[in-house]
Amino acid sequence: MFPRKLHRTITAAAAVTALATLAACAAPGESTGGTADATGPIKIANVNAQSGQLSPLGKWENKGVKLAIDAANKAGGINGRQIQLDLFDNQGDPTVGTNLARKIASEGYIAMLGTSESAVTLAMAPILKDAKIPNITSGQSPKLAALKSPFLFLNAPTSVTYDETLAKYLVDTKGYKKIALITNNGTYGAGERDAFLASLKTRGITPLGDEVVTPDQKDFSASLTTIRQQEPEVLFIGAEEVESGLIAKQARELGLKAVFAGGAPMGTEPYLTTAGQENAEGSVVSSPYLSNDTDDASRTFAAAYQTAFGEEAEVHGAKAYDGARILVEALKQTGGEGGQKLADAIRATKLDGLLGDFAYDESGVGIHATQIGLVTSGKLVPQTAS
């Protein structure tokens, strides 16, 4: 495990160890309370898109998860038991995700890490709740928190936090008043739109434009032409990585001069590559993880990630890594047992993670702050938001 201080030392009582394995007659995630064999691997599912438009997110997340689980297994696992991490491709499709949730519930998995797509997580959540399988997700839609499922936990803030931080910087600190929005109508984009509009409303600002597109759209010229005519100082972009990059690229090609602003997707390599470095320059990004060089912990994580996978770490991998570490610490507390005990242990875990200090509330949100970064010469540079 990479060095990072836990606020609370977690130990597993020896009496709990004997309860760790599921019996065939128990519901998925439940212990028998008997003498079932507790020597086999602990089955954990990692569900993320490995194919389709959202596959870069899923592949980053799997790497972050794998890094944490591999470190835990190398350190002896959970009371000598290894963690079996199995990857499932949800293709970014809620229907596929629903089918995978049923599969996970029927095959003895006691926890799930993922997904990065809020729509898929929302589709899976009721099935996992019924099966008493805790799920630590990287989705950030406020709809996830609104479920208040005792088995659903977020490893990053919701869009409300991302966009309040962004509005505070843009309006309160920089003094921008002329702001337009372009967002997609997927679960992520809709959550971003609602959250940013709410933050603007509290500041008495009505956006000059509010254009809504689709997640699979490629041509944004009509919406961007309308926005250009409104001459905004800031264009808020609420879309995933590649689509955000396409919007930024086409906006500049149409002569739009506004500052681009948005959430974590705009701080990633796909956004920068798709937009082009010159077009992305100056983009304002709200994210809980801005740099691999923030402190000793981020540098250690980034070095291990580079060694393991031959590429630079970024926010999605860091989020998933933190989530997997929380799960590992909770499993130590339960001695490898799942169900309600594992969910309770996750909720009680306090972790000083890469993204900040985790402390879960009743809605399952563990992080409540983000930071501001600016894209400068192709890099995301942390800024002071006050």
Protein backbone atom coordinates (compact mmCIF):
# COMPACT_ATOMS: atom_id res chain seq x y z
CA MET A 1 0.00 0.00 0.00
CA PHE A 2 1.44 3.41 -0.88
CA PRO A 3 2.04 5.66 2.18
CA ARG A 4 -0.96 7.76 3.08
CA LYS A 5 -2.11 8.39 6.65
CA LEU A 6 -5.37 6.85 7.81
CA HIS A 7 -7.19 9.08 10.28
CA ARG A 8 -8.42 5.98 12.14
CA THR A 9 -6.52 2.72 12.57
CA ILE A 10 -8.73 -0.12 11.43
CA THR A 11 -8.28 -3.62 12.81
CA ALA A 12 -10.28 -6.80 12.21
CA ALA A 13 -11.27 -8.86 15.24
CA ALA A 14 -10.27 -12.50 15.02
CA ALA A 15 -13.84 -13.54 15.68
CA VAL A 16 -14.96 -11.88 12.47
CA THR A 17 -12.48 -13.77 10.32
CA ALA A 18 -14.39 -17.03 10.48
CA LEU A 19 -17.46 -15.35 9.02
CA ALA A 20 -15.81 -14.10 5.85
CA THR A 21 -17.03 -16.55 3.23
CA LEU A 22 -20.44 -16.66 1.64
CA ALA A 23 -22.43 -19.88 1.86
CA ALA A 24 -24.42 -21.14 -1.07
CA CYS A 25 -27.69 -20.60 0.81
CA ALA A 26 -26.91 -16.97 1.67
CA ALA A 27 -27.90 -13.97 -0.39
CA PRO A 28 -24.99 -12.44 -2.32
CA GLY A 29 -22.83 -10.34 0.00
CA GLU A 30 -24.24 -11.93 3.18
CA SER A 31 -22.34 -14.11 5.64
CA THR A 32 -23.72 -17.29 7.08
CA GLY A 33 -22.63 -16.67 10.63
CA GLY A 34 -21.47 -20.30 10.58
CA THR A 35 -18.32 -22.21 9.82
CA ALA A 36 -18.07 -21.81 6.07
CA ASP A 37 -14.59 -22.01 4.52
CA ALA A 38 -12.86 -18.64 4.75
CA THR A 39 -9.65 -19.52 2.95
CA GLY A 40 -10.57 -18.86 -0.68
CA PRO A 41 -10.16 -15.61 -2.61
CA ILE A 42 -12.36 -12.61 -1.89
CA LYS A 43 -14.23 -11.85 -5.11
CA ILE A 44 -14.44 -8.19 -6.13
CA ALA A 45 -15.95 -7.00 -9.42
CA ASN A 46 -14.57 -4.03 -11.32
CA VAL A 47 -17.18 -2.81 -13.80
CA ASN A 48 -16.27 -0.13 -16.33
CA ALA A 49 -16.46 0.55 -20.04
CA GLN A 50 -13.63 -1.26 -21.84
CA SER A 51 -15.14 -0.68 -25.28
CA GLY A 52 -17.09 2.14 -26.86
CA GLN A 53 -16.81 5.91 -26.60
CA LEU A 54 -16.28 5.94 -22.82
CA SER A 55 -13.64 3.21 -22.77
CA PRO A 56 -10.72 5.58 -21.94
CA LEU A 57 -12.38 6.36 -18.60
CA GLY A 58 -12.95 2.70 -17.85
CA LYS A 59 -9.41 1.71 -18.73
CA TRP A 60 -7.95 4.45 -16.53
CA GLU A 61 -10.19 3.38 -13.68
CA ASN A 62 -9.27 -0.28 -14.01
CA LYS A 63 -5.60 0.62 -13.79
CA GLY A 64 -6.13 2.65 -10.62
CA VAL A 65 -8.14 -0.16 -9.05
CA LYS A 66 -5.63 -2.81 -10.09
CA LEU A 67 -2.74 -0.82 -8.63
CA ALA A 68 -4.40 -0.67 -5.21
CA ILE A 69 -5.59 -4.28 -5.18
CA ASP A 70 -2.22 -5.61 -6.36
CA ALA A 71 -0.51 -3.67 -3.54
CA ALA A 72 -2.96 -5.11 -1.00
CA ASN A 73 -2.41 -8.66 -2.24
CA LYS A 74 1.34 -8.22 -2.21
CA ALA A 75 1.07 -7.10 1.42
CA GLY A 76 -0.72 -10.33 2.35
CA GLY A 77 -4.30 -9.65 1.30
CA ILE A 78 -7.06 -9.83 3.90
CA ASN A 79 -6.05 -12.12 6.77
CA GLY A 80 -3.96 -14.10 4.32
CA ARG A 81 -6.70 -14.33 1.68
CA GLN A 82 -6.04 -12.84 -1.73
CA ILE A 83 -8.46 -10.44 -3.38
CA GLN A 84 -9.70 -11.74 -6.73
CA LEU A 85 -10.38 -8.74 -8.97
CA ASP A 86 -12.47 -9.51 -12.07
CA LEU A 87 -13.04 -6.92 -14.80
CA PHE A 88 -16.38 -6.62 -16.60
CA ASP A 89 -17.05 -4.42 -19.65
CA ASN A 90 -20.34 -2.52 -19.36
CA GLN A 91 -19.74 -0.84 -22.77
CA GLY A 92 -21.05 2.40 -21.26
CA ASP A 93 -24.56 0.94 -21.63
CA PRO A 94 -27.06 0.91 -18.71
CA THR A 95 -28.75 -2.22 -20.07
CA VAL A 96 -25.45 -4.10 -20.16
CA GLY A 97 -24.74 -2.79 -16.68
CA THR A 98 -28.06 -4.11 -15.40
CA ASN A 99 -27.27 -7.58 -16.73
CA LEU A 100 -23.82 -7.44 -15.17
CA ALA A 101 -25.31 -6.47 -11.81
CA ARG A 102 -27.44 -9.62 -11.87
CA LYS A 103 -24.39 -11.70 -12.83
CA ILE A 104 -22.32 -10.22 -10.01
CA ALA A 105 -25.13 -10.82 -7.53
CA SER A 106 -25.42 -14.48 -8.55
CA GLU A 107 -21.72 -15.37 -8.64
CA GLY A 108 -20.51 -14.61 -5.13
CA TYR A 109 -18.95 -11.17 -5.53
CA ILE A 110 -19.07 -9.26 -2.26
CA ALA A 111 -18.31 -5.77 -3.58
CA MET A 112 -18.09 -3.79 -6.79
CA LEU A 113 -15.70 -1.02 -7.84
CA GLY A 114 -16.99 1.21 -10.67
CA THR A 115 -18.54 2.38 -12.80
CA SER A 116 -17.27 5.72 -14.04
CA GLU A 117 -20.55 6.30 -15.90
CA SER A 118 -23.35 7.67 -13.72
CA ALA A 119 -26.14 6.35 -15.96
CA VAL A 120 -24.80 2.81 -15.70
CA THR A 121 -24.30 3.07 -11.94
CA LEU A 122 -27.88 4.31 -11.53
CA ALA A 123 -29.17 1.32 -13.48
CA MET A 124 -27.15 -1.16 -11.42
CA ALA A 125 -27.76 0.38 -7.99
CA PRO A 126 -31.17 -1.19 -7.16
CA ILE A 127 -29.96 -4.70 -7.98
CA LEU A 128 -26.79 -4.30 -5.93
CA LYS A 129 -28.78 -2.84 -3.05
CA ASP A 130 -31.17 -5.79 -3.02
CA ALA A 131 -28.20 -8.18 -3.09
CA LYS A 132 -26.46 -6.22 -0.30
CA ILE A 133 -23.35 -5.72 -2.42
CA PRO A 134 -21.51 -2.46 -1.61
CA ASN A 135 -20.56 -0.41 -4.68
CA ILE A 136 -17.88 2.30 -4.71
CA THR A 137 -18.48 4.31 -7.87
CA SER A 138 -16.68 7.09 -9.73
CA GLY A 139 -19.92 8.51 -11.08
CA GLN A 140 -20.61 12.07 -9.97
CA SER A 141 -24.25 12.71 -10.86
CA PRO A 142 -26.21 14.23 -7.94
CA LYS A 143 -28.84 11.57 -8.72
CA LEU A 144 -26.48 8.99 -7.22
CA ALA A 145 -26.36 10.80 -3.90
CA ALA A 146 -30.12 11.36 -4.03
CA LEU A 147 -30.65 7.58 -3.93
CA LYS A 148 -29.19 7.49 -0.40
CA SER A 149 -28.59 3.79 -0.87
CA PRO A 150 -26.81 2.23 2.13
CA PHE A 151 -24.74 0.22 -0.38
CA LEU A 152 -23.66 3.01 -2.78
CA PHE A 153 -20.58 5.16 -2.17
CA LEU A 154 -18.92 7.82 -4.34
CA ASN A 155 -15.14 8.10 -4.53
CA ALA A 156 -15.32 11.73 -5.67
CA PRO A 157 -17.60 14.75 -5.20
CA THR A 158 -20.86 15.23 -7.08
CA SER A 159 -21.31 17.81 -9.81
CA VAL A 160 -22.72 20.19 -7.18
CA THR A 161 -19.28 20.50 -5.59
CA TYR A 162 -17.37 20.67 -8.88
CA ASP A 163 -19.53 23.46 -10.23
CA GLU A 164 -19.88 25.50 -7.06
CA THR A 165 -16.07 25.64 -6.89
CA LEU A 166 -16.01 26.67 -10.55
CA ALA A 167 -18.65 29.39 -10.13
CA LYS A 168 -16.86 30.74 -7.08
CA TYR A 169 -13.64 31.09 -9.06
CA LEU A 170 -15.16 32.46 -12.28
CA VAL A 171 -17.69 34.86 -10.77
CA ASP A 172 -16.55 35.69 -7.25
CA THR A 173 -12.80 35.74 -7.89
CA LYS A 174 -12.41 36.64 -11.58
CA GLY A 175 -15.55 38.78 -11.89
CA TYR A 176 -17.00 37.19 -15.04
CA LYS A 177 -20.70 37.92 -15.59
CA LYS A 178 -21.30 37.06 -19.25
CA ILE A 179 -21.47 33.27 -19.25
CA ALA A 180 -22.94 30.74 -21.69
CA LEU A 181 -23.41 26.98 -21.36
CA ILE A 182 -23.20 24.05 -23.73
CA THR A 183 -23.92 20.65 -22.16
CA ASN A 184 -25.06 17.25 -23.32
CA ASN A 185 -28.31 15.65 -22.20
CA GLY A 186 -26.70 12.47 -20.87
CA THR A 187 -26.64 11.81 -17.14
CA TYR A 188 -23.24 13.45 -16.68
CA GLY A 189 -23.97 16.49 -18.83
CA ALA A 190 -27.42 17.03 -17.35
CA GLY A 191 -25.99 16.89 -13.85
CA GLU A 192 -23.33 19.44 -14.79
CA ARG A 193 -25.89 21.76 -16.35
CA ASP A 194 -28.22 21.67 -13.35
CA ALA A 195 -25.43 22.15 -10.84
CA PHE A 196 -23.75 25.04 -12.67
CA LEU A 197 -27.06 26.81 -13.34
CA ALA A 198 -27.88 26.54 -9.63
CA SER A 199 -24.52 28.05 -8.68
CA LEU A 200 -25.03 30.92 -11.14
CA LYS A 201 -28.55 31.54 -9.82
CA THR A 202 -27.30 32.02 -6.26
CA ARG A 203 -25.04 34.74 -7.66
CA GLY A 204 -27.84 36.47 -9.54
CA ILE A 205 -26.51 35.52 -12.97
CA THR A 206 -28.67 34.41 -15.88
CA PRO A 207 -26.61 32.77 -18.64
CA LEU A 208 -26.52 34.44 -22.03
CA GLY A 209 -27.06 31.07 -23.69
CA ASP A 210 -27.90 27.53 -22.62
CA GLU A 211 -27.37 25.07 -25.48
CA VAL A 212 -28.06 21.36 -25.00
CA VAL A 213 -26.59 18.72 -27.34
CA THR A 214 -26.50 14.91 -27.36
CA PRO A 215 -23.66 12.74 -25.97
CA ASP A 216 -22.86 11.22 -29.38
CA GLN A 217 -23.02 14.47 -31.36
CA LYS A 218 -20.00 15.45 -33.45
CA ASP A 219 -21.01 18.74 -35.12
CA PHE A 220 -21.75 21.65 -32.76
CA SER A 221 -21.60 24.48 -35.27
CA ALA A 222 -25.25 25.51 -34.93
CA SER A 223 -25.15 25.77 -31.14
CA LEU A 224 -21.73 27.42 -31.13
CA THR A 225 -22.75 29.97 -33.78
CA THR A 226 -25.66 30.99 -31.55
CA ILE A 227 -23.32 31.27 -28.56
CA ARG A 228 -20.75 33.27 -30.52
CA GLN A 229 -23.40 35.87 -31.35
CA GLN A 230 -23.99 36.35 -27.62
CA GLU A 231 -20.31 37.21 -27.03
CA PRO A 232 -19.84 35.47 -23.68
CA GLU A 233 -16.71 35.88 -21.59
CA VAL A 234 -16.93 32.27 -20.43
CA LEU A 235 -18.25 29.12 -22.09
CA PHE A 236 -19.12 26.38 -19.62
CA ILE A 237 -18.77 22.93 -21.23
CA GLY A 238 -20.59 20.02 -19.59
CA ALA A 239 -19.62 16.89 -21.52
CA GLU A 240 -17.23 13.95 -21.39
CA GLU A 241 -13.58 14.20 -22.46
CA VAL A 242 -13.68 13.77 -26.24
CA GLU A 243 -16.91 15.67 -26.75
CA SER A 244 -15.62 18.56 -24.64
CA GLY A 245 -12.52 18.63 -26.82
CA LEU A 246 -14.57 18.69 -30.01
CA ILE A 247 -16.67 21.55 -28.66
CA ALA A 248 -13.57 23.55 -27.74
CA LYS A 249 -11.93 22.91 -31.11
CA GLN A 250 -15.00 23.89 -33.12
CA ALA A 251 -15.65 26.93 -30.94
CA ARG A 252 -12.20 28.32 -31.69
CA GLU A 253 -12.57 27.52 -35.40
CA LEU A 254 -15.76 29.62 -35.38
CA GLY A 255 -13.90 32.49 -33.74
CA LEU A 256 -15.33 32.18 -30.23
CA LYS A 257 -12.97 33.97 -27.83
CA ALA A 258 -14.53 32.93 -24.50
CA VAL A 259 -12.64 31.20 -21.70
CA PHE A 260 -13.57 27.51 -21.57
CA ALA A 261 -14.54 26.12 -18.18
CA GLY A 262 -15.76 22.78 -16.88
CA GLY A 263 -15.17 19.76 -14.67
CA ALA A 264 -12.52 17.06 -14.49
CA PRO A 265 -12.90 15.80 -18.12
CA MET A 266 -11.30 19.04 -19.33
CA GLY A 267 -8.14 18.30 -17.39
CA THR A 268 -7.41 15.03 -19.20
CA GLU A 269 -5.23 14.08 -22.17
CA PRO A 270 -8.17 13.19 -24.48
CA TYR A 271 -9.62 16.69 -24.01
CA LEU A 272 -6.26 18.34 -24.71
CA THR A 273 -5.52 16.11 -27.70
CA THR A 274 -8.98 16.47 -29.24
CA ALA A 275 -9.19 20.23 -28.72
CA GLY A 276 -5.58 20.87 -29.66
CA GLN A 277 -3.16 22.48 -27.22
CA GLU A 278 -3.63 26.00 -28.58
CA ASN A 279 -7.41 25.76 -28.40
CA ALA A 280 -7.38 24.28 -24.89
CA GLU A 281 -4.99 26.88 -23.52
CA GLY A 282 -6.42 28.74 -20.54
CA SER A 283 -9.27 26.28 -19.91
CA VAL A 284 -10.47 26.48 -16.31
CA VAL A 285 -10.95 23.08 -14.66
CA SER A 286 -12.58 22.12 -11.36
CA SER A 287 -11.22 18.81 -10.06
CA PRO A 288 -10.25 17.13 -6.78
CA TYR A 289 -7.02 15.89 -8.40
CA LEU A 290 -5.05 18.32 -10.51
CA SER A 291 -1.48 17.10 -10.59
CA ASN A 292 0.81 14.12 -10.12
CA ASP A 293 3.24 16.48 -8.38
CA THR A 294 1.09 17.96 -5.60
CA ASP A 295 2.72 16.17 -2.66
CA ASP A 296 4.68 13.06 -1.73
CA ALA A 297 1.60 10.84 -1.97
CA SER A 298 0.68 11.94 -5.50
CA ARG A 299 4.28 11.58 -6.62
CA THR A 300 4.51 8.08 -5.17
CA PHE A 301 1.21 7.10 -6.78
CA ALA A 302 2.22 8.56 -10.15
CA ALA A 303 5.58 6.80 -10.10
CA ALA A 304 3.97 3.45 -9.30
CA TYR A 305 1.32 3.98 -12.00
CA GLN A 306 4.02 4.83 -14.57
CA THR A 307 6.03 1.73 -13.62
CA ALA A 308 3.01 -0.55 -13.78
CA PHE A 309 1.37 0.75 -16.94
CA GLY A 310 3.95 2.81 -18.81
CA GLU A 311 1.85 5.97 -18.86
CA GLU A 312 1.09 9.04 -16.77
CA ALA A 313 -1.57 8.83 -14.09
CA GLU A 314 -4.58 11.16 -14.17
CA VAL A 315 -7.71 11.96 -12.18
CA HIS A 316 -9.79 8.91 -13.11
CA GLY A 317 -7.07 6.48 -12.08
CA ALA A 318 -6.51 8.44 -8.87
CA LYS A 319 -10.23 8.36 -8.03
CA ALA A 320 -10.45 4.63 -8.59
CA TYR A 321 -7.26 4.04 -6.61
CA ASP A 322 -8.68 5.90 -3.61
CA GLY A 323 -11.95 3.96 -3.87
CA ALA A 324 -10.13 0.63 -3.97
CA ARG A 325 -8.01 1.57 -0.95
CA ILE A 326 -11.15 2.41 1.01
CA LEU A 327 -12.61 -0.98 0.12
CA VAL A 328 -9.42 -2.75 1.20
CA GLU A 329 -9.41 -0.99 4.56
CA ALA A 330 -13.08 -1.84 5.09
CA LEU A 331 -12.41 -5.49 4.23
CA LYS A 332 -9.67 -5.53 6.85
CA GLN A 333 -12.21 -4.36 9.39
CA THR A 334 -14.72 -7.09 8.52
CA GLY A 335 -12.13 -9.80 8.05
CA GLY A 336 -13.26 -10.22 4.46
CA GLU A 337 -16.98 -10.41 5.18
CA GLY A 338 -19.41 -8.64 2.84
CA GLY A 339 -23.02 -7.55 3.10
CA GLN A 340 -24.23 -4.97 5.60
CA LYS A 341 -21.06 -5.27 7.70
CA LEU A 342 -18.90 -4.30 4.75
CA ALA A 343 -21.18 -1.39 3.83
CA ASP A 344 -21.04 -0.13 7.41
CA ALA A 345 -17.26 -0.48 7.44
CA ILE A 346 -16.92 1.52 4.21
CA ARG A 347 -19.10 4.29 5.62
CA ALA A 348 -16.98 4.40 8.79
CA THR A 349 -13.64 4.52 6.94
CA LYS A 350 -11.77 7.81 7.12
CA LEU A 351 -9.01 8.07 4.55
CA ASP A 352 -6.54 10.82 3.70
CA GLY A 353 -6.58 9.98 0.00
CA LEU A 354 -5.13 11.40 -3.19
CA LEU A 355 -8.35 13.37 -3.75
CA GLY A 356 -8.59 14.65 -0.17
CA ASP A 357 -10.01 13.62 3.19
CA PHE A 358 -12.70 10.97 2.77
CA ALA A 359 -15.58 11.02 5.29
CA TYR A 360 -18.82 9.49 4.01
CA ASP A 361 -22.14 11.17 4.76
CA GLU A 362 -25.63 9.64 4.71
CA SER A 363 -25.88 10.14 0.94
CA GLY A 364 -22.70 8.13 0.29
CA VAL A 365 -20.57 11.12 -0.74
CA GLY A 366 -17.07 10.99 0.72
CA ILE A 367 -15.32 14.06 -0.73
CA HIS A 368 -16.77 17.56 -0.54
CA ALA A 369 -14.16 19.82 -2.16
CA THR A 370 -12.43 20.39 -5.48
CA GLN A 371 -9.67 22.68 -6.66
CA ILE A 372 -9.16 24.97 -9.64
CA GLY A 373 -6.58 24.34 -12.31
CA LEU A 374 -5.73 26.13 -15.56
CA VAL A 375 -4.55 24.42 -18.74
CA THR A 376 -1.17 26.03 -19.36
CA SER A 377 1.15 24.87 -22.16
CA GLY A 378 -0.62 21.52 -22.29
CA LYS A 379 -0.51 20.92 -18.52
CA LEU A 380 -3.08 21.41 -15.77
CA VAL A 381 -1.59 23.91 -13.30
CA PRO A 382 -3.19 24.33 -9.83
CA GLN A 383 -4.54 27.78 -9.05
CA THR A 384 -5.64 29.49 -5.86
CA ALA A 385 -9.42 29.77 -5.92
CA SER A 386 -9.63 32.60 -3.40
